[in-house]
Amino acid sequence: MKKLLLILLCLPLLFTTCKKEETNTPTELIIDSYPISIGNEWRYKKSITHIVNNDTSLFNESRVVTIEKDSIINGIDVMKYRTTSIEYPQFYSASFKRQTSQGIYTHAYIGTLDASIHK
């Protein structure tokens, strides 16, 4: 009888498992693909389709992004990125970004660049 009782008590242990908790935390983030140094520059083209009352306009625009300087915003070290339209140089934007091991964060943004698509 004692053996039967012991078997009945141990039986639930056979059907339960211990599952190791898995984490999908990356061991290394790829942040260095965006080189952050004063003077670095990127050029790219952007196509914008503008539709108003069945009129469609296509705008092709080239932009240049330059890292101009480092700065401090609310005690946080940031880099100033200036984005300028090559075709419409009066339109620009500036964003202040900080790169960490978890990503690139924008702390401030000013500018008129996206107004360039509205002629």
C-alpha atoms as a PDB file:
ATOM      1  CA  MET A   1       0.000   0.000   0.000  1.00  0.00           C
ATOM      2  CA  LYS A   2       2.842   2.389   0.843  1.00  0.00           C
ATOM      3  CA  LYS A   3       4.417   1.689  -2.565  1.00  0.00           C
ATOM      4  CA  LEU A   4       1.171   2.486  -4.337  1.00  0.00           C
ATOM      5  CA  LEU A   5       0.767   5.725  -2.379  1.00  0.00           C
ATOM      6  CA  LEU A   6       4.359   6.705  -3.175  1.00  0.00           C
ATOM      7  CA  ILE A   7       3.821   5.969  -6.885  1.00  0.00           C
ATOM      8  CA  LEU A   8       0.607   8.003  -6.929  1.00  0.00           C
ATOM      9  CA  LEU A   9       2.375  10.940  -5.292  1.00  0.00           C
ATOM     10  CA  CYS A  10       5.291  10.796  -7.751  1.00  0.00           C
ATOM     11  CA  LEU A  11       3.128  10.259 -10.825  1.00  0.00           C
ATOM     12  CA  PRO A  12       2.338  13.998 -11.340  1.00  0.00           C
ATOM     13  CA  LEU A  13       6.069  14.702 -11.456  1.00  0.00           C
ATOM     14  CA  LEU A  14       6.324  12.586 -14.585  1.00  0.00           C
ATOM     15  CA  PHE A  15       3.847  14.828 -16.422  1.00  0.00           C
ATOM     16  CA  THR A  16       5.277  18.151 -15.363  1.00  0.00           C
ATOM     17  CA  THR A  17       8.382  19.606 -16.933  1.00  0.00           C
ATOM     18  CA  CYS A  18      10.691  22.372 -16.047  1.00  0.00           C
ATOM     19  CA  LYS A  19      11.029  24.686 -18.992  1.00  0.00           C
ATOM     20  CA  LYS A  20      14.030  26.937 -19.150  1.00  0.00           C
ATOM     21  CA  GLU A  21      12.945  30.525 -19.716  1.00  0.00           C
ATOM     22  CA  GLU A  22      14.262  31.711 -23.060  1.00  0.00           C
ATOM     23  CA  THR A  23      15.227  35.277 -23.742  1.00  0.00           C
ATOM     24  CA  ASN A  24      15.679  36.737 -27.184  1.00  0.00           C
ATOM     25  CA  THR A  25      18.002  39.505 -26.103  1.00  0.00           C
ATOM     26  CA  PRO A  26      20.536  40.190 -28.826  1.00  0.00           C
ATOM     27  CA  THR A  27      24.083  39.892 -27.604  1.00  0.00           C
ATOM     28  CA  GLU A  28      25.300  42.615 -29.910  1.00  0.00           C
ATOM     29  CA  LEU A  29      23.440  45.405 -31.700  1.00  0.00           C
ATOM     30  CA  ILE A  30      24.600  46.692 -35.070  1.00  0.00           C
ATOM     31  CA  ILE A  31      24.833  50.404 -34.341  1.00  0.00           C
ATOM     32  CA  ASP A  32      28.189  51.100 -35.988  1.00  0.00           C
ATOM     33  CA  SER A  33      26.535  50.979 -39.428  1.00  0.00           C
ATOM     34  CA  TYR A  34      25.656  54.660 -38.938  1.00  0.00           C
ATOM     35  CA  PRO A  35      29.059  56.347 -38.505  1.00  0.00           C
ATOM     36  CA  ILE A  36      28.742  59.274 -36.120  1.00  0.00           C
ATOM     37  CA  SER A  37      31.568  61.770 -36.641  1.00  0.00           C
ATOM     38  CA  ILE A  38      31.556  65.511 -37.228  1.00  0.00           C
ATOM     39  CA  GLY A  39      31.830  66.167 -40.965  1.00  0.00           C
ATOM     40  CA  ASN A  40      30.327  62.854 -42.106  1.00  0.00           C
ATOM     41  CA  GLU A  41      27.865  63.313 -44.940  1.00  0.00           C
ATOM     42  CA  TRP A  42      25.222  61.231 -46.754  1.00  0.00           C
ATOM     43  CA  ARG A  43      23.524  62.074 -50.050  1.00  0.00           C
ATOM     44  CA  TYR A  44      20.322  60.456 -51.199  1.00  0.00           C
ATOM     45  CA  LYS A  45      17.450  60.962 -53.630  1.00  0.00           C
ATOM     46  CA  LYS A  46      13.818  61.047 -52.645  1.00  0.00           C
ATOM     47  CA  SER A  47      10.784  60.735 -54.918  1.00  0.00           C
ATOM     48  CA  ILE A  48       7.508  62.167 -53.670  1.00  0.00           C
ATOM     49  CA  THR A  49       4.127  61.737 -55.314  1.00  0.00           C
ATOM     50  CA  HIS A  50       1.810  64.615 -54.473  1.00  0.00           C
ATOM     51  CA  ILE A  51      -1.904  64.079 -55.261  1.00  0.00           C
ATOM     52  CA  VAL A  52      -4.452  66.905 -55.023  1.00  0.00           C
ATOM     53  CA  ASN A  53      -7.953  66.576 -56.562  1.00  0.00           C
ATOM     54  CA  ASN A  54      -6.912  63.934 -59.121  1.00  0.00           C
ATOM     55  CA  ASP A  55      -3.820  65.953 -60.114  1.00  0.00           C
ATOM     56  CA  THR A  56      -0.675  63.948 -59.582  1.00  0.00           C
ATOM     57  CA  SER A  57       2.751  65.539 -59.371  1.00  0.00           C
ATOM     58  CA  LEU A  58       6.032  63.705 -58.950  1.00  0.00           C
ATOM     59  CA  PHE A  59       8.898  65.509 -57.236  1.00  0.00           C
ATOM     60  CA  ASN A  60      12.425  64.158 -57.320  1.00  0.00           C
ATOM     61  CA  GLU A  61      14.612  65.716 -54.714  1.00  0.00           C
ATOM     62  CA  SER A  62      18.183  65.124 -53.607  1.00  0.00           C
ATOM     63  CA  ARG A  63      19.141  65.659 -50.001  1.00  0.00           C
ATOM     64  CA  VAL A  64      22.380  65.864 -48.107  1.00  0.00           C
ATOM     65  CA  VAL A  65      22.722  64.999 -44.417  1.00  0.00           C
ATOM     66  CA  THR A  66      25.767  66.378 -42.606  1.00  0.00           C
ATOM     67  CA  ILE A  67      26.840  65.918 -39.019  1.00  0.00           C
ATOM     68  CA  GLU A  68      27.745  69.490 -38.107  1.00  0.00           C
ATOM     69  CA  LYS A  69      28.730  69.533 -34.439  1.00  0.00           C
ATOM     70  CA  ASP A  70      28.250  68.051 -31.030  1.00  0.00           C
ATOM     71  CA  SER A  71      26.066  69.788 -28.491  1.00  0.00           C
ATOM     72  CA  ILE A  72      24.352  69.308 -25.136  1.00  0.00           C
ATOM     73  CA  ILE A  73      20.563  69.283 -24.673  1.00  0.00           C
ATOM     74  CA  ASN A  74      19.259  69.007 -21.108  1.00  0.00           C
ATOM     75  CA  GLY A  75      22.585  67.565 -20.015  1.00  0.00           C
ATOM     76  CA  ILE A  76      22.622  64.923 -22.798  1.00  0.00           C
ATOM     77  CA  ASP A  77      25.476  64.807 -25.333  1.00  0.00           C
ATOM     78  CA  VAL A  78      24.017  64.883 -28.858  1.00  0.00           C
ATOM     79  CA  MET A  79      25.197  65.389 -32.435  1.00  0.00           C
ATOM     80  CA  LYS A  80      23.560  67.924 -34.767  1.00  0.00           C
ATOM     81  CA  TYR A  81      22.463  66.503 -38.129  1.00  0.00           C
ATOM     82  CA  ARG A  82      21.574  69.057 -40.814  1.00  0.00           C
ATOM     83  CA  THR A  83      19.491  67.820 -43.752  1.00  0.00           C
ATOM     84  CA  THR A  84      19.309  70.155 -46.754  1.00  0.00           C
ATOM     85  CA  SER A  85      17.485  69.871 -50.065  1.00  0.00           C
ATOM     86  CA  ILE A  86      19.955  70.280 -52.935  1.00  0.00           C
ATOM     87  CA  GLU A  87      17.252  71.549 -55.329  1.00  0.00           C
ATOM     88  CA  TYR A  88      15.621  73.801 -52.706  1.00  0.00           C
ATOM     89  CA  PRO A  89      18.464  74.908 -50.395  1.00  0.00           C
ATOM     90  CA  GLN A  90      16.187  77.275 -48.479  1.00  0.00           C
ATOM     91  CA  PHE A  91      14.543  74.169 -46.992  1.00  0.00           C
ATOM     92  CA  TYR A  92      16.445  72.341 -44.291  1.00  0.00           C
ATOM     93  CA  SER A  93      16.032  70.563 -41.006  1.00  0.00           C
ATOM     94  CA  ALA A  94      18.233  69.952 -38.011  1.00  0.00           C
ATOM     95  CA  SER A  95      17.912  67.040 -35.663  1.00  0.00           C
ATOM     96  CA  PHE A  96      19.886  66.383 -32.513  1.00  0.00           C
ATOM     97  CA  LYS A  97      20.589  62.682 -32.029  1.00  0.00           C
ATOM     98  CA  ARG A  98      22.342  60.489 -29.526  1.00  0.00           C
ATOM     99  CA  GLN A  99      23.688  57.040 -30.276  1.00  0.00           C
ATOM    100  CA  THR A 100      23.633  54.409 -27.506  1.00  0.00           C
ATOM    101  CA  SER A 101      24.105  50.655 -27.469  1.00  0.00           C
ATOM    102  CA  GLN A 102      20.289  50.354 -27.795  1.00  0.00           C
ATOM    103  CA  GLY A 103      19.823  52.618 -30.796  1.00  0.00           C
ATOM    104  CA  ILE A 104      19.886  56.169 -32.119  1.00  0.00           C
ATOM    105  CA  TYR A 105      17.542  58.603 -30.389  1.00  0.00           C
ATOM    106  CA  THR A 106      16.343  62.012 -31.605  1.00  0.00           C
ATOM    107  CA  HIS A 107      16.187  64.552 -28.781  1.00  0.00           C
ATOM    108  CA  ALA A 108      15.139  67.617 -30.802  1.00  0.00           C
ATOM    109  CA  TYR A 109      14.057  68.526 -34.352  1.00  0.00           C
ATOM    110  CA  ILE A 110      13.632  71.872 -36.101  1.00  0.00           C
ATOM    111  CA  GLY A 111      13.250  72.852 -39.723  1.00  0.00           C
ATOM    112  CA  THR A 112      11.267  73.422 -42.886  1.00  0.00           C
ATOM    113  CA  LEU A 113      12.567  70.628 -45.113  1.00  0.00           C
ATOM    114  CA  ASP A 114       9.319  68.741 -45.662  1.00  0.00           C
ATOM    115  CA  ALA A 115       7.650  71.961 -46.796  1.00  0.00           C
ATOM    116  CA  SER A 116       9.789  71.751 -49.950  1.00  0.00           C
ATOM    117  CA  ILE A 117       7.338  69.352 -51.604  1.00  0.00           C
ATOM    118  CA  HIS A 118       4.573  71.992 -51.625  1.00  0.00           C
ATOM    119  CA  LYS A 119       5.477  74.387 -54.440  1.00  0.00           C
END
